[in-house]
Amino acid sequence: MLLEKWLAGFPPYQMALGGIQYYREHMQNRYKPADFLHCGKNVRIEPGVSISAPERVHIGDNVGLSRNCSIHAVGGCYIGNDCTIGSGTTIITVEHSYSRGESLPYDKIRLIKPVHLEDFVWVGIGVSIAGGVRIGEGAIIGMGSVVFQDVPPLAIVAGNPAKVIFYRSSAEFQKAKLCGARINPYEELPILTIPPATKRKFGNELKYLGFDLPEGCEYFYYDKHAKAGKRLVPSRATETP
C-alpha cells in the first residue's frame, strides 16, 4: 500500500496503470463461465462488456454479447439460446423508487425488475432495455430503440419508445428453426449482396464505391485481409471463393 501511494505520484506509473486498466476494460474478456448463474455452450463475450452481478445472469447456448454492452443484472437477466446483443446495448434490471419520500431525488430502496429474452432474439446496436421487459422468441429490436414494454414473438420493433413495425414470417422462422440454421457468434459474415431498393436509390454511388456486380453475379465476398482495392470478390453463389 505504501509503495502504491509513493508510486502514484509518478507519471510513468500512472500511464502504465492506465494502460492496464484500458486493456482490461476494452481488450480483455473479464468473465468466465463460472461467474454466471448459467453460461451455455459457444458463448462469445467481446471486450468492453460490463456486467454487474453476473451471478444473476443466465446465458443460453450460441449467444453473442458485442462490445460495450452494459448489463445491470442485480434484478436478474435471462438471455435465451441463439441470441445476439448488439454493441452499446444497455439492459437495466432494477429501478429506483421515489414514492416513499424518505430521500431525494429517489429512495434508498431499489425495485427488482428482471429482463427476459426468449430464444433467437436479435438486439441491434445502441438499444436500451428497461427493467421488467420480456422479449418474445425471434423478435428483432431495431438500432437505438428504447424498450419499455414487452415485445411479442417475431415482432420487429424500433423507436423511442419502441413500437411494432411489422412481424417476421412465421413460416420462414419455423422452417429455419426446424432445420437448425443457427448463426455462430464467433463466425464472421463476409458475404454481401445489394437489395433491389438500394440499387435503385444508390446506383451510381454503388459503382463508385466498388459495388459493381458483373452479369450473373449476385454476391460479393469481402476479404478484410486482402490488399486495398482487392477485398471485394464478386460471386455467383454464397460459397466463399
C-alpha atoms as a PDB file:
ATOM      1  CA  MET A   1       0.000   0.000   0.000  1.00  0.00           C
ATOM      2  CA  LEU A   2       2.768   2.452   0.916  1.00  0.00           C
ATOM      3  CA  LEU A   3       4.628   1.597  -2.295  1.00  0.00           C
ATOM      4  CA  GLU A   4       1.484   2.197  -4.366  1.00  0.00           C
ATOM      5  CA  LYS A   5       0.906   5.567  -2.702  1.00  0.00           C
ATOM      6  CA  TRP A   6       4.524   6.516  -3.323  1.00  0.00           C
ATOM      7  CA  LEU A   7       4.413   5.438  -6.966  1.00  0.00           C
ATOM      8  CA  ALA A   8       1.038   7.095  -7.589  1.00  0.00           C
ATOM      9  CA  GLY A   9       2.721  10.474  -7.948  1.00  0.00           C
ATOM     10  CA  PHE A  10       4.937   9.376 -10.855  1.00  0.00           C
ATOM     11  CA  PRO A  11       3.507   9.959 -14.375  1.00  0.00           C
ATOM     12  CA  PRO A  12       5.134   6.787 -15.855  1.00  0.00           C
ATOM     13  CA  TYR A  13       3.408   4.662 -13.215  1.00  0.00           C
ATOM     14  CA  GLN A  14       0.093   6.406 -13.847  1.00  0.00           C
ATOM     15  CA  MET A  15       0.428   5.805 -17.599  1.00  0.00           C
ATOM     16  CA  ALA A  16       1.270   2.129 -17.076  1.00  0.00           C
ATOM     17  CA  LEU A  17      -1.629   1.680 -14.664  1.00  0.00           C
ATOM     18  CA  GLY A  18      -3.977   3.428 -17.064  1.00  0.00           C
ATOM     19  CA  GLY A  19      -2.813   1.151 -19.882  1.00  0.00           C
ATOM     20  CA  ILE A  20      -3.505  -1.934 -17.794  1.00  0.00           C
ATOM     21  CA  GLN A  21      -6.970  -0.683 -16.887  1.00  0.00           C
ATOM     22  CA  TYR A  22      -7.718   0.137 -20.528  1.00  0.00           C
ATOM     23  CA  TYR A  23      -6.621  -3.350 -21.586  1.00  0.00           C
ATOM     24  CA  ARG A  24      -8.824  -4.986 -19.004  1.00  0.00           C
ATOM     25  CA  GLU A  25     -11.846  -2.884 -19.885  1.00  0.00           C
ATOM     26  CA  HIS A  26     -11.554  -2.756 -23.674  1.00  0.00           C
ATOM     27  CA  MET A  27      -9.306  -5.567 -24.883  1.00  0.00           C
ATOM     28  CA  GLN A  28      -9.804  -8.462 -22.462  1.00  0.00           C
ATOM     29  CA  ASN A  29     -12.847 -10.606 -21.748  1.00  0.00           C
ATOM     30  CA  ARG A  30     -13.128 -10.355 -17.992  1.00  0.00           C
ATOM     31  CA  TYR A  31     -15.791 -13.015 -17.460  1.00  0.00           C
ATOM     32  CA  LYS A  32     -15.599 -16.782 -17.053  1.00  0.00           C
ATOM     33  CA  PRO A  33     -18.489 -19.283 -17.288  1.00  0.00           C
ATOM     34  CA  ALA A  34     -18.309 -19.881 -13.537  1.00  0.00           C
ATOM     35  CA  ASP A  35     -19.126 -16.213 -12.917  1.00  0.00           C
ATOM     36  CA  PHE A  36     -22.704 -16.641 -14.178  1.00  0.00           C
ATOM     37  CA  LEU A  37     -25.855 -18.265 -12.869  1.00  0.00           C
ATOM     38  CA  HIS A  38     -25.658 -20.293 -16.083  1.00  0.00           C
ATOM     39  CA  CYS A  39     -23.430 -19.955 -19.140  1.00  0.00           C
ATOM     40  CA  GLY A  40     -24.185 -22.189 -22.097  1.00  0.00           C
ATOM     41  CA  LYS A  41     -22.020 -23.511 -24.896  1.00  0.00           C
ATOM     42  CA  ASN A  42     -20.428 -21.422 -27.632  1.00  0.00           C
ATOM     43  CA  VAL A  43     -20.900 -18.057 -25.896  1.00  0.00           C
ATOM     44  CA  ARG A  44     -18.970 -15.033 -27.151  1.00  0.00           C
ATOM     45  CA  ILE A  45     -18.480 -12.085 -24.805  1.00  0.00           C
ATOM     46  CA  GLU A  46     -16.486  -9.368 -26.555  1.00  0.00           C
ATOM     47  CA  PRO A  47     -14.059  -6.999 -24.799  1.00  0.00           C
ATOM     48  CA  GLY A  48     -15.617  -3.955 -23.181  1.00  0.00           C
ATOM     49  CA  VAL A  49     -18.744  -5.782 -21.979  1.00  0.00           C
ATOM     50  CA  SER A  50     -19.733  -4.746 -18.455  1.00  0.00           C
ATOM     51  CA  ILE A  51     -21.982  -6.977 -16.322  1.00  0.00           C
ATOM     52  CA  SER A  52     -22.848  -6.147 -12.752  1.00  0.00           C
ATOM     53  CA  ALA A  53     -23.956  -9.136 -10.624  1.00  0.00           C
ATOM     54  CA  PRO A  54     -23.124 -11.792 -13.279  1.00  0.00           C
ATOM     55  CA  GLU A  55     -24.214 -14.424 -10.742  1.00  0.00           C
ATOM     56  CA  ARG A  56     -27.793 -13.343 -11.562  1.00  0.00           C
ATOM     57  CA  VAL A  57     -27.382 -13.738 -15.330  1.00  0.00           C
ATOM     58  CA  HIS A  58     -28.479 -16.781 -17.340  1.00  0.00           C
ATOM     59  CA  ILE A  59     -26.857 -17.031 -20.786  1.00  0.00           C
ATOM     60  CA  GLY A  60     -28.018 -19.759 -23.169  1.00  0.00           C
ATOM     61  CA  ASP A  61     -26.140 -21.529 -25.961  1.00  0.00           C
ATOM     62  CA  ASN A  62     -24.781 -19.720 -29.039  1.00  0.00           C
ATOM     63  CA  VAL A  63     -25.085 -16.228 -27.578  1.00  0.00           C
ATOM     64  CA  GLY A  64     -23.043 -13.206 -28.654  1.00  0.00           C
ATOM     65  CA  LEU A  65     -22.590 -10.113 -26.471  1.00  0.00           C
ATOM     66  CA  SER A  66     -20.959  -7.374 -28.540  1.00  0.00           C
ATOM     67  CA  ARG A  67     -18.527  -4.679 -27.441  1.00  0.00           C
ATOM     68  CA  ASN A  68     -19.517  -2.150 -24.795  1.00  0.00           C
ATOM     69  CA  CYS A  69     -22.747  -3.846 -23.790  1.00  0.00           C
ATOM     70  CA  SER A  70     -23.758  -2.982 -20.244  1.00  0.00           C
ATOM     71  CA  ILE A  71     -25.993  -5.319 -18.232  1.00  0.00           C
ATOM     72  CA  HIS A  72     -27.049  -4.105 -14.784  1.00  0.00           C
ATOM     73  CA  ALA A  73     -28.172  -7.516 -13.578  1.00  0.00           C
ATOM     74  CA  VAL A  74     -28.838  -7.110  -9.855  1.00  0.00           C
ATOM     75  CA  GLY A  75     -32.523  -7.770 -10.577  1.00  0.00           C
ATOM     76  CA  GLY A  76     -31.816 -10.798 -12.787  1.00  0.00           C
ATOM     77  CA  CYS A  77     -31.331 -11.174 -16.541  1.00  0.00           C
ATOM     78  CA  TYR A  78     -32.224 -14.212 -18.667  1.00  0.00           C
ATOM     79  CA  ILE A  79     -30.802 -14.448 -22.197  1.00  0.00           C
ATOM     80  CA  GLY A  80     -32.083 -17.441 -24.134  1.00  0.00           C
ATOM     81  CA  ASN A  81     -30.378 -19.590 -26.756  1.00  0.00           C
ATOM     82  CA  ASP A  82     -29.142 -18.173 -30.072  1.00  0.00           C
ATOM     83  CA  CYS A  83     -29.458 -14.502 -29.082  1.00  0.00           C
ATOM     84  CA  THR A  84     -27.290 -11.685 -30.411  1.00  0.00           C
ATOM     85  CA  ILE A  85     -26.902  -8.449 -28.453  1.00  0.00           C
ATOM     86  CA  GLY A  86     -25.532  -5.500 -30.453  1.00  0.00           C
ATOM     87  CA  SER A  87     -22.723  -3.249 -29.274  1.00  0.00           C
ATOM     88  CA  GLY A  88     -23.539  -0.410 -26.899  1.00  0.00           C
ATOM     89  CA  THR A  89     -26.740  -2.031 -25.637  1.00  0.00           C
ATOM     90  CA  THR A  90     -27.822  -1.333 -22.054  1.00  0.00           C
ATOM     91  CA  ILE A  91     -30.064  -3.636 -20.023  1.00  0.00           C
ATOM     92  CA  ILE A  92     -31.458  -2.443 -16.681  1.00  0.00           C
ATOM     93  CA  THR A  93     -32.996  -4.873 -14.160  1.00  0.00           C
ATOM     94  CA  VAL A  94     -33.637  -2.601 -11.165  1.00  0.00           C
ATOM     95  CA  GLU A  95     -35.321   0.771 -10.786  1.00  0.00           C
ATOM     96  CA  HIS A  96     -35.143   3.478  -8.178  1.00  0.00           C
ATOM     97  CA  SER A  97     -38.192   4.131  -6.018  1.00  0.00           C
ATOM     98  CA  TYR A  98     -39.409   7.673  -5.435  1.00  0.00           C
ATOM     99  CA  SER A  99     -42.789   7.071  -3.767  1.00  0.00           C
ATOM    100  CA  ARG A 100     -41.645   6.713  -0.144  1.00  0.00           C
ATOM    101  CA  GLY A 101     -40.324  10.255   0.104  1.00  0.00           C
ATOM    102  CA  GLU A 102     -37.539   9.314   2.522  1.00  0.00           C
ATOM    103  CA  SER A 103     -34.831  10.901   0.354  1.00  0.00           C
ATOM    104  CA  LEU A 104     -34.464  12.908  -2.850  1.00  0.00           C
ATOM    105  CA  PRO A 105     -34.368  12.643  -5.812  1.00  0.00           C
ATOM    106  CA  TYR A 106     -35.141   8.961  -5.201  1.00  0.00           C
ATOM    107  CA  ASP A 107     -35.406   6.497  -2.338  1.00  0.00           C
ATOM    108  CA  LYS A 108     -32.681   4.244  -0.993  1.00  0.00           C
ATOM    109  CA  ILE A 109     -34.672   1.135  -1.949  1.00  0.00           C
ATOM    110  CA  ARG A 110     -34.402  -0.297  -5.469  1.00  0.00           C
ATOM    111  CA  LEU A 111     -37.172  -2.229  -7.210  1.00  0.00           C
ATOM    112  CA  ILE A 112     -36.372  -5.652  -8.695  1.00  0.00           C
ATOM    113  CA  LYS A 113     -37.491  -5.897 -12.339  1.00  0.00           C
ATOM    114  CA  PRO A 114     -35.894  -8.820 -14.243  1.00  0.00           C
ATOM    115  CA  VAL A 115     -35.401  -8.795 -18.010  1.00  0.00           C
ATOM    116  CA  HIS A 116     -36.120 -11.955 -20.007  1.00  0.00           C
ATOM    117  CA  LEU A 117     -35.058 -12.575 -23.613  1.00  0.00           C
ATOM    118  CA  GLU A 118     -36.523 -15.685 -25.242  1.00  0.00           C
ATOM    119  CA  ASP A 119     -34.587 -17.728 -27.824  1.00  0.00           C
ATOM    120  CA  PHE A 120     -33.458 -16.255 -31.184  1.00  0.00           C
ATOM    121  CA  VAL A 121     -33.762 -12.611 -30.136  1.00  0.00           C
ATOM    122  CA  TRP A 122     -31.672 -10.117 -32.101  1.00  0.00           C
ATOM    123  CA  VAL A 123     -30.955  -6.801 -30.363  1.00  0.00           C
ATOM    124  CA  GLY A 124     -29.459  -4.081 -32.551  1.00  0.00           C
ATOM    125  CA  ILE A 125     -26.737  -1.534 -31.797  1.00  0.00           C
ATOM    126  CA  GLY A 126     -27.259   1.016 -29.023  1.00  0.00           C
ATOM    127  CA  VAL A 127     -30.529  -0.380 -27.676  1.00  0.00           C
ATOM    128  CA  SER A 128     -31.786   0.389 -24.157  1.00  0.00           C
ATOM    129  CA  ILE A 129     -33.979  -2.213 -22.428  1.00  0.00           C
ATOM    130  CA  ALA A 130     -35.792  -1.151 -19.261  1.00  0.00           C
ATOM    131  CA  GLY A 131     -36.467  -3.379 -16.273  1.00  0.00           C
ATOM    132  CA  GLY A 132     -39.417  -5.754 -16.226  1.00  0.00           C
ATOM    133  CA  VAL A 133     -39.430  -6.348 -20.003  1.00  0.00           C
ATOM    134  CA  ARG A 134     -39.972  -9.738 -21.662  1.00  0.00           C
ATOM    135  CA  ILE A 135     -38.901 -10.041 -25.312  1.00  0.00           C
ATOM    136  CA  GLY A 136     -40.556 -12.855 -27.226  1.00  0.00           C
ATOM    137  CA  GLU A 137     -38.934 -15.581 -29.315  1.00  0.00           C
ATOM    138  CA  GLY A 138     -37.485 -14.448 -32.629  1.00  0.00           C
ATOM    139  CA  ALA A 139     -38.085 -10.741 -32.017  1.00  0.00           C
ATOM    140  CA  ILE A 140     -35.811  -8.087 -33.521  1.00  0.00           C
ATOM    141  CA  ILE A 141     -35.062  -4.820 -31.724  1.00  0.00           C
ATOM    142  CA  GLY A 142     -34.019  -2.042 -34.114  1.00  0.00           C
ATOM    143  CA  MET A 143     -30.880   0.062 -33.667  1.00  0.00           C
ATOM    144  CA  GLY A 144     -31.150   2.753 -30.989  1.00  0.00           C
ATOM    145  CA  SER A 145     -34.542   1.607 -29.726  1.00  0.00           C
ATOM    146  CA  VAL A 146     -35.690   2.201 -26.152  1.00  0.00           C
ATOM    147  CA  VAL A 147     -37.783  -0.735 -24.935  1.00  0.00           C
ATOM    148  CA  PHE A 148     -40.168  -0.048 -22.057  1.00  0.00           C
ATOM    149  CA  GLN A 149     -42.825  -2.699 -22.787  1.00  0.00           C
ATOM    150  CA  ASP A 150     -42.938  -6.398 -23.608  1.00  0.00           C
ATOM    151  CA  VAL A 151     -42.184  -7.337 -27.215  1.00  0.00           C
ATOM    152  CA  PRO A 152     -44.322 -10.066 -28.857  1.00  0.00           C
ATOM    153  CA  PRO A 153     -42.690 -13.110 -30.501  1.00  0.00           C
ATOM    154  CA  LEU A 154     -41.424 -12.488 -34.065  1.00  0.00           C
ATOM    155  CA  ALA A 155     -42.111  -8.742 -33.755  1.00  0.00           C
ATOM    156  CA  ILE A 156     -39.738  -6.193 -35.282  1.00  0.00           C
ATOM    157  CA  VAL A 157     -39.749  -3.056 -33.134  1.00  0.00           C
ATOM    158  CA  ALA A 158     -37.971   0.292 -33.356  1.00  0.00           C
ATOM    159  CA  GLY A 159     -38.104   3.803 -31.944  1.00  0.00           C
ATOM    160  CA  ASN A 160     -38.327   5.583 -28.606  1.00  0.00           C
ATOM    161  CA  PRO A 161     -40.476   4.183 -27.167  1.00  0.00           C
ATOM    162  CA  ALA A 162     -40.097   1.043 -29.286  1.00  0.00           C
ATOM    163  CA  LYS A 163     -43.186   0.131 -31.281  1.00  0.00           C
ATOM    164  CA  VAL A 164     -44.038  -2.824 -33.517  1.00  0.00           C
ATOM    165  CA  ILE A 165     -43.296  -2.042 -37.173  1.00  0.00           C
ATOM    166  CA  PHE A 166     -44.205  -5.460 -38.580  1.00  0.00           C
ATOM    167  CA  TYR A 167     -43.658  -9.154 -37.896  1.00  0.00           C
ATOM    168  CA  ARG A 168     -41.237 -11.711 -39.254  1.00  0.00           C
ATOM    169  CA  SER A 169     -42.623 -14.509 -41.417  1.00  0.00           C
ATOM    170  CA  SER A 170     -43.688 -17.276 -39.037  1.00  0.00           C
ATOM    171  CA  ALA A 171     -43.325 -19.894 -41.792  1.00  0.00           C
ATOM    172  CA  GLU A 172     -39.745 -18.850 -42.629  1.00  0.00           C
ATOM    173  CA  PHE A 173     -38.821 -18.645 -38.959  1.00  0.00           C
ATOM    174  CA  GLN A 174     -40.164 -22.093 -38.124  1.00  0.00           C
ATOM    175  CA  LYS A 175     -38.502 -23.613 -41.200  1.00  0.00           C
ATOM    176  CA  ALA A 176     -35.081 -22.210 -40.249  1.00  0.00           C
ATOM    177  CA  LYS A 177     -35.623 -23.269 -36.643  1.00  0.00           C
ATOM    178  CA  LEU A 178     -36.501 -26.853 -37.576  1.00  0.00           C
ATOM    179  CA  CYS A 179     -33.529 -27.058 -39.962  1.00  0.00           C
ATOM    180  CA  GLY A 180     -31.176 -25.990 -37.188  1.00  0.00           C
ATOM    181  CA  ALA A 181     -29.938 -22.999 -39.205  1.00  0.00           C
ATOM    182  CA  ARG A 182     -28.246 -21.013 -36.457  1.00  0.00           C
ATOM    183  CA  ILE A 183     -25.664 -18.229 -36.570  1.00  0.00           C
ATOM    184  CA  ASN A 184     -22.357 -18.966 -34.876  1.00  0.00           C
ATOM    185  CA  PRO A 185     -21.495 -15.917 -32.691  1.00  0.00           C
ATOM    186  CA  TYR A 186     -17.793 -16.454 -33.498  1.00  0.00           C
ATOM    187  CA  GLU A 187     -18.362 -16.628 -37.265  1.00  0.00           C
ATOM    188  CA  GLU A 188     -17.586 -13.661 -39.484  1.00  0.00           C
ATOM    189  CA  LEU A 189     -20.125 -12.677 -42.130  1.00  0.00           C
ATOM    190  CA  PRO A 190     -18.191 -11.815 -45.313  1.00  0.00           C
ATOM    191  CA  ILE A 191     -20.996 -12.376 -47.856  1.00  0.00           C
ATOM    192  CA  LEU A 192     -22.570  -9.141 -49.155  1.00  0.00           C
ATOM    193  CA  THR A 193     -25.458  -8.516 -51.536  1.00  0.00           C
ATOM    194  CA  ILE A 194     -27.357  -5.425 -52.677  1.00  0.00           C
ATOM    195  CA  PRO A 195     -31.146  -5.219 -52.144  1.00  0.00           C
ATOM    196  CA  PRO A 196     -33.133  -4.068 -55.204  1.00  0.00           C
ATOM    197  CA  ALA A 197     -34.336  -0.899 -53.479  1.00  0.00           C
ATOM    198  CA  THR A 198     -30.730   0.034 -52.665  1.00  0.00           C
ATOM    199  CA  LYS A 199     -29.712  -0.491 -56.303  1.00  0.00           C
ATOM    200  CA  ARG A 200     -32.452   1.882 -57.448  1.00  0.00           C
ATOM    201  CA  LYS A 201     -31.596   4.544 -54.882  1.00  0.00           C
ATOM    202  CA  PHE A 202     -27.784   4.427 -55.000  1.00  0.00           C
ATOM    203  CA  GLY A 203     -26.997   3.097 -58.482  1.00  0.00           C
ATOM    204  CA  ASN A 204     -24.128   5.447 -59.410  1.00  0.00           C
ATOM    205  CA  GLU A 205     -22.821   5.694 -55.855  1.00  0.00           C
ATOM    206  CA  LEU A 206     -22.588   1.910 -55.556  1.00  0.00           C
ATOM    207  CA  LYS A 207     -20.417   1.703 -58.663  1.00  0.00           C
ATOM    208  CA  TYR A 208     -18.140   4.449 -57.344  1.00  0.00           C
ATOM    209  CA  LEU A 209     -17.802   2.588 -54.011  1.00  0.00           C
ATOM    210  CA  GLY A 210     -16.797  -0.608 -55.802  1.00  0.00           C
ATOM    211  CA  PHE A 211     -20.096  -2.463 -55.640  1.00  0.00           C
ATOM    212  CA  ASP A 212     -20.429  -3.133 -59.350  1.00  0.00           C
ATOM    213  CA  LEU A 213     -21.660  -6.693 -59.927  1.00  0.00           C
ATOM    214  CA  PRO A 214     -20.782  -8.402 -63.224  1.00  0.00           C
ATOM    215  CA  GLU A 215     -23.556 -10.088 -65.182  1.00  0.00           C
ATOM    216  CA  GLY A 216     -24.759 -13.251 -63.442  1.00  0.00           C
ATOM    217  CA  CYS A 217     -23.260 -12.396 -60.063  1.00  0.00           C
ATOM    218  CA  GLU A 218     -25.417 -11.730 -57.037  1.00  0.00           C
ATOM    219  CA  TYR A 219     -22.972 -11.535 -54.144  1.00  0.00           C
ATOM    220  CA  PHE A 220     -19.659 -10.132 -53.004  1.00  0.00           C
ATOM    221  CA  TYR A 221     -17.172 -11.865 -50.767  1.00  0.00           C
ATOM    222  CA  TYR A 222     -15.376  -9.349 -48.525  1.00  0.00           C
ATOM    223  CA  ASP A 223     -11.853 -10.328 -47.515  1.00  0.00           C
ATOM    224  CA  LYS A 224     -10.645  -7.834 -44.913  1.00  0.00           C
ATOM    225  CA  HIS A 225      -7.113  -9.299 -45.040  1.00  0.00           C
ATOM    226  CA  ALA A 226      -6.626  -8.646 -48.751  1.00  0.00           C
ATOM    227  CA  LYS A 227      -4.915  -5.543 -50.090  1.00  0.00           C
ATOM    228  CA  ALA A 228      -6.937  -2.369 -50.542  1.00  0.00           C
ATOM    229  CA  GLY A 229      -8.862  -2.451 -53.794  1.00  0.00           C
ATOM    230  CA  LYS A 230      -8.906  -6.270 -53.890  1.00  0.00           C
ATOM    231  CA  ARG A 231     -11.058  -7.014 -50.858  1.00  0.00           C
ATOM    232  CA  LEU A 232     -14.317  -7.414 -52.776  1.00  0.00           C
ATOM    233  CA  VAL A 233     -14.657 -10.528 -54.931  1.00  0.00           C
ATOM    234  CA  PRO A 234     -17.902 -10.916 -56.963  1.00  0.00           C
ATOM    235  CA  SER A 235     -19.510 -14.335 -56.566  1.00  0.00           C
ATOM    236  CA  ARG A 236     -22.366 -16.238 -58.210  1.00  0.00           C
ATOM    237  CA  ALA A 237     -23.261 -18.089 -55.010  1.00  0.00           C
ATOM    238  CA  THR A 238     -22.888 -17.617 -51.256  1.00  0.00           C
ATOM    239  CA  GLU A 239     -19.929 -20.023 -51.006  1.00  0.00           C
ATOM    240  CA  THR A 240     -16.622 -18.358 -50.230  1.00  0.00           C
ATOM    241  CA  PRO A 241     -14.283 -18.321 -53.250  1.00  0.00           C
END
